[in-house]
């Protein structure tokens, strides 16, 4: 009896986890920043500041996931991380005007004195080199 129950449980376990589930497939992709809508002229130590950015979704299958955020000393490199649903019913959004692009807000809390350099990734140039919009922002106490 135990052998029969064990065999039945094993068969049920094998067939309950089918890789052909109708779950949506997606992958992650980093997108460039199209515009910096607002950024503080100076930062106050210990206060949270908001930086508003715009990015272009190539199709309706792209959705905001989070920020690519790299820090090295007082340099911050920022881009947009998206998830891309792998679906054939995506609609192109390539012709959207800048004012119609989605906005996202990066919250930033300075933790050191001096000047922060923000490098917002805007893509690659003709030679394949990364390009950035850069801001130097001083920190006050």
Protein backbone atom coordinates (compact mmCIF):
# COMPACT_ATOMS: atom_id res chain seq x y z
CA UNK A 1 0.00 0.00 0.00
CA UNK A 2 2.84 2.41 0.85
CA UNK A 3 4.50 1.71 -2.48
CA UNK A 4 1.27 2.49 -4.36
CA UNK A 5 0.77 5.77 -2.48
CA UNK A 6 4.40 6.75 -3.02
CA UNK A 7 4.15 5.98 -6.75
CA UNK A 8 0.89 7.94 -7.01
CA UNK A 9 2.43 10.95 -5.18
CA UNK A 10 5.50 10.85 -7.44
CA UNK A 11 3.38 10.78 -10.63
CA UNK A 12 1.19 13.63 -9.34
CA UNK A 13 4.26 15.68 -8.49
CA UNK A 14 5.79 15.19 -11.94
CA UNK A 15 2.65 16.22 -13.81
CA UNK A 16 1.68 19.13 -11.56
CA UNK A 17 4.69 21.25 -12.59
CA UNK A 18 4.33 21.56 -16.31
CA UNK A 19 6.75 23.92 -18.11
CA UNK A 20 4.01 24.65 -20.65
CA UNK A 21 1.94 26.75 -18.23
CA UNK A 22 0.26 29.74 -19.86
CA UNK A 23 2.32 32.17 -17.80
CA UNK A 24 3.44 35.32 -19.60
CA UNK A 25 7.03 35.26 -20.76
CA UNK A 26 9.14 38.34 -20.27
CA UNK A 27 12.72 39.57 -20.15
CA UNK A 28 14.41 42.60 -18.64
CA UNK A 29 15.86 45.45 -20.69
CA UNK A 30 17.59 48.72 -19.83
CA UNK A 31 16.30 51.81 -21.62
CA UNK A 32 17.87 55.25 -21.98
CA UNK A 33 16.55 58.39 -20.33
CA UNK A 34 14.98 60.83 -22.79
CA UNK A 35 14.81 63.88 -20.52
CA UNK A 36 15.43 65.11 -17.00
CA UNK A 37 12.17 66.87 -16.13
CA UNK A 38 13.24 68.21 -12.75
CA UNK A 39 16.35 67.98 -10.62
CA UNK A 40 17.29 70.09 -7.57
CA UNK A 41 19.87 72.84 -8.00
CA UNK A 42 21.32 71.87 -4.63
CA UNK A 43 20.92 69.00 -2.21
CA UNK A 44 20.47 69.22 1.54
CA UNK A 45 22.27 66.63 3.64
CA UNK A 46 19.81 64.19 5.23
CA UNK A 47 16.82 65.33 3.12
CA UNK A 48 15.23 63.18 0.44
CA UNK A 49 15.07 64.82 -2.99
CA UNK A 50 13.06 63.86 -6.07
CA UNK A 51 14.48 63.67 -9.59
CA UNK A 52 11.83 63.30 -12.31
CA UNK A 53 12.84 61.55 -15.53
CA UNK A 54 11.18 60.65 -18.84
CA UNK A 55 11.87 57.54 -20.89
CA UNK A 56 10.57 56.11 -24.16
CA UNK A 57 8.82 52.73 -24.23
CA UNK A 58 9.36 51.21 -27.71
CA UNK A 59 6.06 49.27 -27.50
CA UNK A 60 3.14 48.73 -25.14
CA UNK A 61 4.84 45.53 -23.94
CA UNK A 62 7.45 47.54 -21.99
CA UNK A 63 6.79 48.44 -18.37
CA UNK A 64 8.83 50.24 -15.72
CA UNK A 65 10.55 47.83 -13.33
CA UNK A 66 13.05 49.97 -11.40
CA UNK A 67 16.16 52.09 -11.88
CA UNK A 68 19.57 50.97 -12.98
CA UNK A 69 21.56 52.78 -10.30
CA UNK A 70 25.35 52.62 -10.00
CA UNK A 71 27.34 54.59 -7.46
CA UNK A 72 31.05 55.20 -7.37
CA UNK A 73 32.16 57.71 -4.75
CA UNK A 74 29.91 60.75 -5.43
CA UNK A 75 29.09 59.78 -9.05
CA UNK A 76 25.65 58.29 -9.70
CA UNK A 77 24.86 56.64 -13.04
CA UNK A 78 21.14 56.16 -13.72
CA UNK A 79 19.09 54.42 -16.44
CA UNK A 80 15.66 52.79 -16.64
CA UNK A 81 15.17 49.04 -16.08
CA UNK A 82 12.06 47.66 -17.74
CA UNK A 83 10.36 44.32 -18.10
CA UNK A 84 9.32 43.38 -21.62
CA UNK A 85 6.40 41.03 -22.08
CA UNK A 86 7.07 38.70 -24.99
CA UNK A 87 3.77 39.06 -26.80
CA UNK A 88 2.85 39.46 -30.45
CA UNK A 89 0.10 41.98 -29.71
CA UNK A 90 2.46 44.83 -28.74
CA UNK A 91 1.70 48.25 -30.23
CA UNK A 92 4.56 50.53 -31.31
CA UNK A 93 5.01 53.74 -29.31
CA UNK A 94 7.99 55.02 -31.29
CA UNK A 95 6.19 58.17 -32.51
CA UNK A 96 5.22 59.49 -29.07
CA UNK A 97 5.97 63.14 -28.43
CA UNK A 98 8.29 63.99 -25.53
CA UNK A 99 5.44 65.46 -23.46
CA UNK A 100 3.52 62.14 -23.76
CA UNK A 101 6.36 59.94 -22.48
CA UNK A 102 6.02 58.29 -19.06
CA UNK A 103 7.61 60.00 -16.07
CA UNK A 104 9.30 58.21 -13.18
CA UNK A 105 10.63 59.68 -9.94
CA UNK A 106 13.98 58.76 -8.44
CA UNK A 107 14.21 59.53 -4.73
CA UNK A 108 17.72 60.48 -3.63
CA UNK A 109 19.12 60.99 -0.13
CA UNK A 110 22.61 62.55 -0.02
CA UNK A 111 24.86 60.92 2.55
CA UNK A 112 28.08 62.88 2.07
CA UNK A 113 29.23 66.47 1.63
CA UNK A 114 30.70 67.91 -1.54
CA UNK A 115 29.20 67.63 -4.99
CA UNK A 116 27.26 64.76 -6.52
CA UNK A 117 27.62 64.07 -10.23
CA UNK A 118 24.55 62.52 -11.81
CA UNK A 119 25.05 60.77 -15.15
CA UNK A 120 21.75 59.90 -16.83
CA UNK A 121 22.33 57.32 -19.56
CA UNK A 122 20.91 58.44 -22.92
CA UNK A 123 22.06 55.50 -25.04
CA UNK A 124 25.02 54.89 -27.32
CA UNK A 125 26.54 57.07 -30.03
CA UNK A 126 27.57 56.01 -33.56
CA UNK A 127 30.82 54.54 -32.24
CA UNK A 128 28.99 52.44 -29.62
CA UNK A 129 30.11 54.63 -26.72
CA UNK A 130 27.70 55.35 -23.85
CA UNK A 131 26.30 58.89 -23.77
CA UNK A 132 24.98 60.77 -20.74
CA UNK A 133 23.20 63.91 -19.58
CA UNK A 134 25.34 65.10 -16.65
CA UNK A 135 24.55 67.33 -13.67
CA UNK A 136 26.84 68.46 -10.86
CA UNK A 137 24.85 69.28 -7.76
CA UNK A 138 26.38 70.66 -4.53
CA UNK A 139 25.33 69.46 -1.08
CA UNK A 140 24.49 71.98 1.64
CA UNK A 141 24.02 71.22 5.33
